[in-house]
Protein backbone atom coordinates (compact mmCIF):
# COMPACT_ATOMS: atom_id res chain seq x y z
CA MET A 1 240.73 126.95 66.24
CA PRO A 2 237.99 127.55 63.76
CA GLU A 3 237.97 125.15 60.66
CA MET A 4 236.31 125.12 57.65
CA PRO A 5 232.97 124.80 58.94
CA GLU A 6 233.27 127.43 61.56
CA VAL A 7 234.58 129.83 58.98
CA GLU A 8 232.07 129.08 56.16
CA THR A 9 229.25 129.83 58.95
CA ILE A 10 231.04 133.11 59.63
CA ARG A 11 231.18 133.86 55.95
CA ARG A 12 227.33 132.88 55.41
CA THR A 13 226.34 135.10 58.62
CA LEU A 14 228.16 138.06 57.52
CA ALA A 15 227.74 138.09 53.37
CA ASP A 16 224.44 139.56 53.07
CA ARG A 17 225.37 142.26 55.87
CA VAL A 18 228.71 143.43 54.47
CA ARG A 19 227.98 143.18 50.87
CA GLY A 20 227.32 146.59 49.26
CA ARG A 21 228.82 148.56 52.33
CA LYS A 22 231.07 151.15 51.94
CA ILE A 23 234.34 151.27 54.36
CA MET A 24 234.44 154.75 55.91
CA ARG A 25 237.15 154.09 58.57
CA VAL A 26 239.41 151.31 59.66
CA ASP A 27 240.75 151.52 63.47
CA ILE A 28 243.72 149.37 64.05
CA GLY A 29 244.58 148.83 67.63
CA LEU A 30 247.56 146.07 67.14
CA SER A 31 249.45 146.71 64.23
CA ARG A 32 251.36 143.35 64.01
CA LEU A 33 248.11 141.67 63.21
CA ILE A 34 248.38 143.38 59.73
CA LYS A 35 250.74 141.30 57.73
CA TRP A 36 250.74 143.02 54.47
CA PRO A 37 251.09 145.96 53.54
CA SER A 38 251.90 148.41 56.32
CA PRO A 39 249.03 149.09 58.54
CA HIS A 40 248.73 152.66 56.97
CA GLU A 41 248.79 151.43 53.46
CA PHE A 42 246.15 148.64 54.76
CA GLN A 43 243.93 151.77 55.65
CA ALA A 44 244.38 153.73 52.84
CA LEU A 45 243.86 150.80 50.38
CA ILE A 46 240.63 150.18 51.68
CA MET A 47 238.75 153.32 53.05
CA GLY A 48 235.95 154.51 50.77
CA ARG A 49 235.90 151.26 48.86
CA THR A 50 232.69 148.99 48.85
CA ILE A 51 232.58 145.25 49.62
CA ALA A 52 231.60 143.63 46.37
CA GLY A 53 231.40 140.12 48.00
CA LEU A 54 232.48 137.74 50.59
CA ASP A 55 234.25 134.28 49.86
CA ARG A 56 236.25 131.54 51.74
CA ARG A 57 239.04 129.39 50.87
CA GLY A 58 239.84 126.76 53.46
CA LYS A 59 239.92 128.56 56.82
CA TYR A 60 240.75 132.03 54.90
CA LEU A 61 237.75 134.81 54.35
CA LEU A 62 238.34 136.94 51.35
CA PHE A 63 236.36 140.39 51.19
CA TYR A 64 236.57 141.58 47.56
CA LEU A 65 236.25 145.22 47.14
CA ASP A 66 235.23 147.07 44.16
CA ASN A 67 238.76 148.38 43.16
CA ASN A 68 240.18 144.91 42.53
CA ILE A 69 241.46 144.63 45.92
CA VAL A 70 241.03 141.87 48.47
CA ILE A 71 240.89 142.05 52.44
CA VAL A 72 242.10 138.66 53.38
CA ILE A 73 241.55 137.34 56.96
CA HIS A 74 242.69 134.11 58.89
CA LEU A 75 241.48 133.86 62.44
CA ARG A 76 244.16 131.13 63.58
CA MET A 77 243.30 129.94 67.08
CA THR A 78 241.04 132.43 68.80
CA GLY A 79 240.13 134.97 66.24
CA ARG A 80 236.48 136.35 66.27
CA LEU A 81 234.92 138.46 63.23
CA TYR A 82 231.37 139.98 64.02
CA TYR A 83 229.15 142.37 62.80
CA VAL A 84 227.79 145.05 65.08
CA THR A 85 225.12 147.77 65.11
CA PRO A 86 225.83 151.17 66.84
CA GLY A 87 225.68 151.17 70.81
CA THR A 88 226.75 147.25 70.71
CA GLU A 89 229.27 146.89 73.31
CA HIS A 90 232.79 145.91 71.95
CA ASP A 91 234.62 142.49 72.78
CA LYS A 92 237.48 143.59 75.25
CA TYR A 93 240.03 141.75 72.67
CA THR A 94 239.01 143.84 69.78
CA HIS A 95 242.18 144.75 67.61
CA VAL A 96 240.82 145.97 64.25
CA ALA A 97 237.43 147.64 63.33
CA PHE A 98 235.98 148.42 60.00
CA PHE A 99 233.17 151.07 60.06
CA PHE A 100 230.74 151.20 57.46
CA ASP A 101 228.64 154.02 55.75
CA ASN A 102 225.39 152.77 57.50
CA SER A 103 227.24 153.21 60.95
CA ASP A 104 227.62 149.64 61.33
CA ALA A 105 230.94 147.94 62.09
CA LEU A 106 232.70 144.44 61.47
CA LEU A 107 235.09 143.78 64.29
CA TYR A 108 238.14 141.59 64.55
CA ALA A 109 238.55 140.55 68.24
CA ASP A 110 241.32 138.00 68.92
CA SER A 111 242.56 136.91 72.87
CA ARG A 112 245.80 135.19 71.67
CA THR A 113 246.54 137.80 68.71
CA LEU A 114 247.73 134.82 66.47
CA GLY A 115 245.25 135.90 63.63
CA THR A 116 246.45 137.26 60.23
CA LEU A 117 245.23 140.35 57.88
CA TYR A 118 246.22 141.10 54.52
CA VAL A 119 245.03 143.62 51.91
CA LEU A 120 246.24 143.09 48.14
CA PRO A 121 245.18 143.02 44.94
CA SER A 122 243.33 140.04 43.80
CA GLN A 123 245.95 138.86 41.33
CA GLU A 124 248.45 138.91 44.09
CA ILE A 125 246.93 136.66 46.36
CA CYS A 126 249.97 134.19 45.63
CA ARG A 127 251.85 136.18 48.20
CA ILE A 128 249.70 134.21 50.94
CA SER A 129 251.66 130.73 50.48
CA GLY A 130 248.57 128.79 52.59
CA LEU A 131 246.30 130.10 50.10
CA THR A 132 247.96 129.09 46.83
CA SER A 133 249.53 125.99 48.18
CA MET A 134 245.89 124.48 49.58
CA GLY A 135 244.69 121.40 48.71
CA PRO A 136 241.00 120.69 47.57
CA GLU A 137 238.21 121.09 50.01
CA PRO A 138 235.77 118.53 51.13
CA LEU A 139 232.41 118.95 49.46
CA SER A 140 233.98 120.60 46.44
CA PRO A 141 234.02 118.84 43.05
CA GLU A 142 238.03 118.44 43.19
CA PHE A 143 237.82 116.44 46.51
CA THR A 144 236.91 113.15 44.72
CA LEU A 145 237.13 109.36 45.91
CA ASP A 146 239.75 108.89 43.39
CA TYR A 147 241.80 112.05 44.72
CA LEU A 148 241.69 110.55 48.32
CA GLU A 149 242.55 107.16 46.97
CA SER A 150 245.44 108.35 45.21
CA LEU A 151 246.34 110.51 47.90
CA LEU A 152 246.81 107.59 50.40
CA ALA A 153 247.96 104.92 48.09
CA LYS A 154 251.63 105.24 48.74
CA ARG A 155 251.97 107.58 51.74
CA LYS A 156 253.60 106.15 54.67
CA ALA A 157 252.45 108.82 57.22
CA LYS A 158 249.80 108.24 59.90
CA ILE A 159 246.44 109.05 58.45
CA LYS A 160 245.75 111.55 61.04
CA SER A 161 248.96 113.62 59.94
CA LEU A 162 247.78 113.09 56.53
CA LEU A 163 244.14 114.83 57.07
CA LEU A 164 245.58 117.72 58.98
CA ASN A 165 247.82 118.67 55.99
CA GLN A 166 246.65 121.73 54.38
CA GLN A 167 248.42 121.35 51.29
CA LEU A 168 246.57 117.68 50.63
CA ILE A 169 242.99 118.71 52.19
CA GLY A 170 242.09 122.33 52.73
CA GLY A 171 239.96 123.11 55.77
CA LEU A 172 240.13 120.06 57.58
CA GLY A 173 241.45 120.63 61.05
CA ASN A 174 241.81 118.57 64.42
CA ILE A 175 238.35 118.35 65.50
CA TYR A 176 236.73 117.23 62.16
CA ALA A 177 239.80 114.97 61.45
CA ASP A 178 239.02 113.07 64.86
CA GLU A 179 235.50 112.91 63.73
CA SER A 180 236.03 111.79 60.42
CA LEU A 181 238.20 108.79 61.64
CA ALA A 182 235.85 108.03 64.17
CA ILE A 183 232.96 107.59 61.69
CA ALA A 184 234.89 105.71 59.36
CA GLY A 185 236.25 103.36 62.10
CA VAL A 186 239.87 104.07 61.40
CA ASP A 187 242.59 104.31 64.00
CA PRO A 188 244.30 107.77 63.65
CA GLU A 189 247.75 105.98 63.82
CA ARG A 190 246.96 103.88 60.87
CA ILE A 191 249.39 104.20 57.98
CA ALA A 192 247.74 105.90 55.19
CA SER A 193 248.57 103.32 52.36
CA SER A 194 247.30 100.55 54.75
CA LEU A 195 243.72 101.53 54.39
CA ASN A 196 241.75 99.10 51.97
CA LYS A 197 239.23 100.28 49.40
CA ASN A 198 236.48 100.05 51.58
CA GLU A 199 238.17 102.04 54.34
CA VAL A 200 239.02 104.74 52.12
CA GLU A 201 235.36 104.91 50.75
CA ARG A 202 234.15 105.18 54.55
CA LEU A 203 236.70 107.69 55.22
CA TYR A 204 235.69 109.80 52.20
CA SER A 205 232.02 109.66 52.93
CA ALA A 206 232.73 110.45 56.62
CA ILE A 207 234.98 113.48 55.73
CA ASN A 208 232.33 115.06 53.43
CA ARG A 209 229.52 114.17 56.20
CA VAL A 210 231.21 115.84 59.23
CA ILE A 211 232.10 119.03 57.21
CA ALA A 212 228.31 118.98 56.20
CA ASP A 213 226.93 118.47 59.34
CA GLY A 214 229.42 120.78 61.06
CA ILE A 215 228.26 123.80 58.72
CA GLU A 216 224.44 122.70 58.99
CA HIS A 217 224.94 122.87 63.07
CA GLY A 218 226.52 126.43 62.73
CA GLY A 219 229.91 125.20 63.81
CA THR A 220 231.63 123.75 67.06
CA THR A 221 231.75 126.02 69.95
CA PHE A 222 233.87 124.92 72.99
CA ARG A 223 235.24 128.41 74.12
CA ASP A 224 236.29 131.41 71.87
CA TYR A 225 234.32 130.47 68.40
CA ARG A 226 231.16 132.50 67.40
CA ASP A 227 229.59 133.16 64.06
CA GLY A 228 229.24 136.63 62.55
CA GLU A 229 226.32 137.52 64.31
CA GLY A 230 227.99 136.61 67.79
CA HIS A 231 226.18 133.22 68.29
CA SER A 232 227.86 129.89 69.24
CA GLY A 233 227.46 126.76 67.22
CA SER A 234 225.80 123.59 68.54
CA HIS A 235 227.98 120.85 66.90
CA GLN A 236 229.85 120.15 70.00
CA GLN A 237 226.49 118.58 70.80
CA TYR A 238 226.53 116.00 68.26
CA LEU A 239 230.40 115.00 68.29
CA TYR A 240 231.55 111.35 68.31
CA VAL A 241 234.91 111.49 70.01
CA TYR A 242 236.34 114.90 70.10
CA GLY A 243 236.60 116.51 73.50
CA ARG A 244 234.79 113.24 74.98
CA ALA A 245 237.76 111.46 76.45
CA ASN A 246 236.51 109.05 79.37
CA GLN A 247 232.89 109.25 78.02
CA PRO A 248 231.12 106.45 76.57
CA CYS A 249 231.34 105.86 72.62
CA ARG A 250 228.08 106.58 71.18
CA LYS A 251 228.51 103.34 69.01
CA CYS A 252 229.66 100.85 71.31
CA GLY A 253 229.67 102.35 74.95
CA SER A 254 233.54 101.81 75.36
CA MET A 255 235.36 104.54 76.82
CA ILE A 256 236.91 107.39 74.49
CA ALA A 257 240.37 107.64 74.81
CA ARG A 258 242.88 110.40 74.14
CA LYS A 259 246.34 110.31 73.03
CA GLU A 260 248.95 112.40 70.87
CA VAL A 261 249.01 111.90 67.34
CA ALA A 262 251.05 113.98 64.91
CA GLY A 263 251.70 116.37 67.89
CA ARG A 264 247.91 117.07 68.44
CA GLY A 265 245.55 116.13 71.19
CA THR A 266 243.54 113.08 69.27
CA HIS A 267 240.09 111.26 70.56
CA TYR A 268 239.09 108.01 69.42
CA CYS A 269 237.38 104.85 70.63
CA PRO A 270 239.78 101.75 70.97
CA ASN A 271 237.05 99.30 70.30
CA CYS A 272 235.65 100.71 67.18
CA GLN A 273 238.61 102.23 65.27
CA LYS A 274 240.98 99.59 63.86
């Protein structure tokens, strides 16, 4: 699933291309991806409107139009959003296409068809519960060391489970949670409240570091993820533990292990993470 660094990379690669473009036509090949309103209303609300800006919140992309309407897209597991010029071959899994006044297009492709698209007035974004209930994001002014310390202080959940809770920390997913815990030297099954002050400080620093590095490297590509121009990310080349089961730890040389934590495949170093 694209996480915060991947979605932010998509936003950055699309922003200048779509800003100022007028939407002339919208083709919907799979109507169930449109969660609000009906596919017909979806088309009617945005055709002829100009994209004023592109923002991101957590793993959501928000296209602000010139009529106070917002297109909200969540890529879920395998969604891809990419910009094409005339004559470019479309991905065979393309299900929604936005055609612009310069004859270019923005395409939404999704092999598992789990993504979600919405069109609604900006003041009604509260309809999307995942957006309104989201916690502060790494790298944001709201995500402070004090916030993380207070978050962990009395919680009896496993630290990996807590890091994946979007209501507590927005945008952090499985890859970057594993990487954060590895860099901080914390076992993913540790109870959150058991972390001492030094461990919390290490974890806070690690979370911000892995997100910043992921963005710098254009995201992590194992299979489906591409940026808005169709390019793969390179952060997979720098991962400490994720996807590296039975390979040597970059810190100590011990074999990276894999186990299920909080219902998710979890990679860690048994020697470095305590």
